[in-house]
Each structure stands twice: as structure tokens, then as C-alpha cells.
């Protein structure tokens, strides 16, 4: 057996190339391969951020409410939070109202909150 077989040397070189490539590309986010997937990702992020905005608006209204008073959460609160926290220049009232309705029901707000999202 030869001490430096070309197959083994090729195997080691390929392994080193993969290690260097992993080190160089570590932590980078790759762009989606298609415009359709990129658009789907944008829609997912927007809806997730609107739900988070609704959660934040509900929590803020509960903090502002006095003891024994219902918290009043408006659709405008959700759009304001989306504008301030996520940088959305415009949010349709229907989108914000849908997100607020969903989070309102999930957080069991009927007991201590009021909203205009159902109008």
C-alpha cells in the first residue's frame, strides 16, 4: 500500500473545501430561489407582525386600564404599533381588524376588554 493514495488525498481535500465553505457562509441567510417563495415569505412576515402588533396593543391597553375598568383596544392602536415597531407605512383597516379579532379571541379578552374590531 502506498503511503499517499490519490483517493485519500482527494477525500481530505474535499473535506477541507467543505469546512472552508461552511466557515465562509456561516450565518448568512440565502435568498429564496423564486419570486413566488419570496412573496409568500413577505406575506407570512406581515401577518405575523400584525398579530404581534395586536398582542402589543392589547397588553398596552390592559396596562393603561384602571382597576375594574375594561381595557379599550382599537384598530388604530394596532396600526400605530405596526407603524412604530415594524415600520409599516400603511396598514389596511381590514388587516388590522382581522389581526385584532384573532388575538382578542385567543387572549380571552371578552372578560376584560372592549374593541371596535368587530364592527
C-alpha atoms as a PDB file:
ATOM      1  CA  UNK A   1       0.000   0.000   0.000  1.00  0.00           C
ATOM      2  CA  UNK A   2       1.303   3.407  -0.954  1.00  0.00           C
ATOM      3  CA  UNK A   3       1.539   5.991   1.833  1.00  0.00           C
ATOM      4  CA  UNK A   4      -0.168   8.761  -0.192  1.00  0.00           C
ATOM      5  CA  UNK A   5      -3.000   7.262  -2.189  1.00  0.00           C
ATOM      6  CA  UNK A   6      -4.624   9.831  -4.552  1.00  0.00           C
ATOM      7  CA  UNK A   7      -8.148   8.822  -3.475  1.00  0.00           C
ATOM      8  CA  UNK A   8      -7.441   9.551   0.171  1.00  0.00           C
ATOM      9  CA  UNK A   9      -5.750  12.837  -0.645  1.00  0.00           C
ATOM     10  CA  UNK A  10      -8.743  13.846  -2.785  1.00  0.00           C
ATOM     11  CA  UNK A  11     -11.111  12.899   0.043  1.00  0.00           C
ATOM     12  CA  UNK A  12      -9.205  15.044   2.560  1.00  0.00           C
ATOM     13  CA  UNK A  13      -9.036  17.982   0.130  1.00  0.00           C
ATOM     14  CA  UNK A  14     -12.795  17.806  -0.487  1.00  0.00           C
ATOM     15  CA  UNK A  15     -13.406  17.764   3.255  1.00  0.00           C
ATOM     16  CA  UNK A  16     -11.220  20.846   3.746  1.00  0.00           C
ATOM     17  CA  UNK A  17     -13.057  22.668   0.962  1.00  0.00           C
ATOM     18  CA  UNK A  18     -16.399  21.911   2.624  1.00  0.00           C
ATOM     19  CA  UNK A  19     -15.097  23.120   6.002  1.00  0.00           C
ATOM     20  CA  UNK A  20     -13.846  26.386   4.471  1.00  0.00           C
ATOM     21  CA  UNK A  21     -17.134  26.897   2.590  1.00  0.00           C
ATOM     22  CA  UNK A  22     -19.097  26.328   5.803  1.00  0.00           C
ATOM     23  CA  UNK A  23     -16.915  28.826   7.624  1.00  0.00           C
ATOM     24  CA  UNK A  24     -17.307  31.467   4.916  1.00  0.00           C
ATOM     25  CA  UNK A  25     -21.103  31.108   4.511  1.00  0.00           C
ATOM     26  CA  UNK A  26     -21.873  30.529   8.195  1.00  0.00           C
ATOM     27  CA  UNK A  27     -24.861  32.511   9.428  1.00  0.00           C
ATOM     28  CA  UNK A  28     -25.835  34.045   6.110  1.00  0.00           C
ATOM     29  CA  UNK A  29     -29.415  33.912   5.003  1.00  0.00           C
ATOM     30  CA  UNK A  30     -29.867  32.755   1.465  1.00  0.00           C
ATOM     31  CA  UNK A  31     -32.401  34.432  -0.761  1.00  0.00           C
ATOM     32  CA  UNK A  32     -35.354  32.335  -1.796  1.00  0.00           C
ATOM     33  CA  UNK A  33     -34.906  30.681  -5.147  1.00  0.00           C
ATOM     34  CA  UNK A  34     -38.084  32.045  -6.670  1.00  0.00           C
ATOM     35  CA  UNK A  35     -40.045  35.262  -6.577  1.00  0.00           C
ATOM     36  CA  UNK A  36     -43.132  33.297  -5.581  1.00  0.00           C
ATOM     37  CA  UNK A  37     -41.434  31.961  -2.435  1.00  0.00           C
ATOM     38  CA  UNK A  38     -40.105  35.438  -1.621  1.00  0.00           C
ATOM     39  CA  UNK A  39     -43.601  36.919  -1.903  1.00  0.00           C
ATOM     40  CA  UNK A  40     -45.015  34.159   0.307  1.00  0.00           C
ATOM     41  CA  UNK A  41     -42.349  34.923   2.924  1.00  0.00           C
ATOM     42  CA  UNK A  42     -43.241  38.628   2.877  1.00  0.00           C
ATOM     43  CA  UNK A  43     -46.936  37.853   3.353  1.00  0.00           C
ATOM     44  CA  UNK A  44     -46.145  35.468   6.229  1.00  0.00           C
ATOM     45  CA  UNK A  45     -43.932  38.042   7.937  1.00  0.00           C
ATOM     46  CA  UNK A  46     -46.520  40.787   7.555  1.00  0.00           C
ATOM     47  CA  UNK A  47     -49.343  38.725   9.029  1.00  0.00           C
ATOM     48  CA  UNK A  48     -47.114  37.547  11.889  1.00  0.00           C
ATOM     49  CA  UNK A  49     -46.070  41.125  12.625  1.00  0.00           C
ATOM     50  CA  UNK A  50     -49.689  42.301  12.589  1.00  0.00           C
ATOM     51  CA  UNK A  51     -50.581  39.594  15.112  1.00  0.00           C
ATOM     52  CA  UNK A  52     -47.686  40.707  17.297  1.00  0.00           C
ATOM     53  CA  UNK A  53     -48.865  44.302  16.952  1.00  0.00           C
ATOM     54  CA  UNK A  54     -52.318  43.245  18.129  1.00  0.00           C
ATOM     55  CA  UNK A  55     -50.795  41.438  21.123  1.00  0.00           C
ATOM     56  CA  UNK A  56     -48.770  44.526  21.989  1.00  0.00           C
ATOM     57  CA  UNK A  57     -51.813  46.790  21.648  1.00  0.00           C
ATOM     58  CA  UNK A  58     -53.878  44.518  23.907  1.00  0.00           C
ATOM     59  CA  UNK A  59     -51.127  44.399  26.525  1.00  0.00           C
ATOM     60  CA  UNK A  60     -50.749  48.193  26.408  1.00  0.00           C
ATOM     61  CA  UNK A  61     -54.480  48.734  26.800  1.00  0.00           C
ATOM     62  CA  UNK A  62     -54.583  46.378  29.765  1.00  0.00           C
ATOM     63  CA  UNK A  63     -51.721  48.274  31.407  1.00  0.00           C
ATOM     64  CA  UNK A  64     -53.449  51.622  30.843  1.00  0.00           C
ATOM     65  CA  UNK A  65     -56.819  50.491  32.174  1.00  0.00           C
ATOM     66  CA  UNK A  66     -57.615  51.293  35.773  1.00  0.00           C
ATOM     67  CA  UNK A  67     -58.502  48.510  38.191  1.00  0.00           C
ATOM     68  CA  UNK A  68     -62.009  47.252  37.483  1.00  0.00           C
ATOM     69  CA  UNK A  69     -62.299  49.071  34.129  1.00  0.00           C
ATOM     70  CA  UNK A  70     -62.319  47.257  30.800  1.00  0.00           C
ATOM     71  CA  UNK A  71     -59.316  47.772  28.556  1.00  0.00           C
ATOM     72  CA  UNK A  72     -60.222  49.545  25.324  1.00  0.00           C
ATOM     73  CA  UNK A  73     -58.270  48.309  22.298  1.00  0.00           C
ATOM     74  CA  UNK A  74     -58.880  49.938  18.940  1.00  0.00           C
ATOM     75  CA  UNK A  75     -57.837  49.041  15.424  1.00  0.00           C
ATOM     76  CA  UNK A  76     -55.948  52.331  15.349  1.00  0.00           C
ATOM     77  CA  UNK A  77     -53.827  51.090  18.275  1.00  0.00           C
ATOM     78  CA  UNK A  78     -52.815  48.066  16.206  1.00  0.00           C
ATOM     79  CA  UNK A  79     -51.933  50.186  13.167  1.00  0.00           C
ATOM     80  CA  UNK A  80     -49.956  52.590  15.362  1.00  0.00           C
ATOM     81  CA  UNK A  81     -47.941  49.735  16.893  1.00  0.00           C
ATOM     82  CA  UNK A  82     -47.346  48.223  13.438  1.00  0.00           C
ATOM     83  CA  UNK A  83     -46.129  51.585  12.188  1.00  0.00           C
ATOM     84  CA  UNK A  84     -43.859  52.264  15.167  1.00  0.00           C
ATOM     85  CA  UNK A  85     -42.418  48.808  15.801  1.00  0.00           C
ATOM     86  CA  UNK A  86     -42.346  47.247  12.338  1.00  0.00           C
ATOM     87  CA  UNK A  87     -42.119  50.301  10.073  1.00  0.00           C
ATOM     88  CA  UNK A  88     -45.265  49.646   8.034  1.00  0.00           C
ATOM     89  CA  UNK A  89     -46.216  52.906   6.372  1.00  0.00           C
ATOM     90  CA  UNK A  90     -49.768  51.830   5.687  1.00  0.00           C
ATOM     91  CA  UNK A  91     -51.880  49.059   7.124  1.00  0.00           C
ATOM     92  CA  UNK A  92     -55.389  48.492   5.837  1.00  0.00           C
ATOM     93  CA  UNK A  93     -58.059  48.738   8.485  1.00  0.00           C
ATOM     94  CA  UNK A  94     -59.397  45.309   7.474  1.00  0.00           C
ATOM     95  CA  UNK A  95     -55.994  43.673   8.012  1.00  0.00           C
ATOM     96  CA  UNK A  96     -55.509  45.266  11.406  1.00  0.00           C
ATOM     97  CA  UNK A  97     -59.082  44.459  12.458  1.00  0.00           C
ATOM     98  CA  UNK A  98     -58.674  40.810  11.429  1.00  0.00           C
ATOM     99  CA  UNK A  99     -55.450  40.503  13.426  1.00  0.00           C
ATOM    100  CA  UNK A 100     -57.043  42.192  16.436  1.00  0.00           C
ATOM    101  CA  UNK A 101     -60.112  39.921  16.274  1.00  0.00           C
ATOM    102  CA  UNK A 102     -57.918  36.833  16.147  1.00  0.00           C
ATOM    103  CA  UNK A 103     -55.718  37.862  19.079  1.00  0.00           C
ATOM    104  CA  UNK A 104     -58.714  39.244  21.025  1.00  0.00           C
ATOM    105  CA  UNK A 105     -60.351  35.833  20.963  1.00  0.00           C
ATOM    106  CA  UNK A 106     -57.103  33.937  21.601  1.00  0.00           C
ATOM    107  CA  UNK A 107     -56.273  36.083  24.651  1.00  0.00           C
ATOM    108  CA  UNK A 108     -59.803  35.681  26.094  1.00  0.00           C
ATOM    109  CA  UNK A 109     -60.312  39.431  26.145  1.00  0.00           C
ATOM    110  CA  UNK A 110     -64.090  39.272  26.330  1.00  0.00           C
ATOM    111  CA  UNK A 111     -63.790  39.259  30.117  1.00  0.00           C
ATOM    112  CA  UNK A 112     -61.830  42.479  30.489  1.00  0.00           C
ATOM    113  CA  UNK A 113     -61.500  44.231  27.093  1.00  0.00           C
ATOM    114  CA  UNK A 114     -63.566  46.150  24.555  1.00  0.00           C
ATOM    115  CA  UNK A 115     -62.708  46.641  20.893  1.00  0.00           C
ATOM    116  CA  UNK A 116     -64.017  48.154  17.685  1.00  0.00           C
ATOM    117  CA  UNK A 117     -62.603  45.334  15.533  1.00  0.00           C
ATOM    118  CA  UNK A 118     -65.924  43.552  15.225  1.00  0.00           C
ATOM    119  CA  UNK A 119     -67.796  46.485  13.653  1.00  0.00           C
END
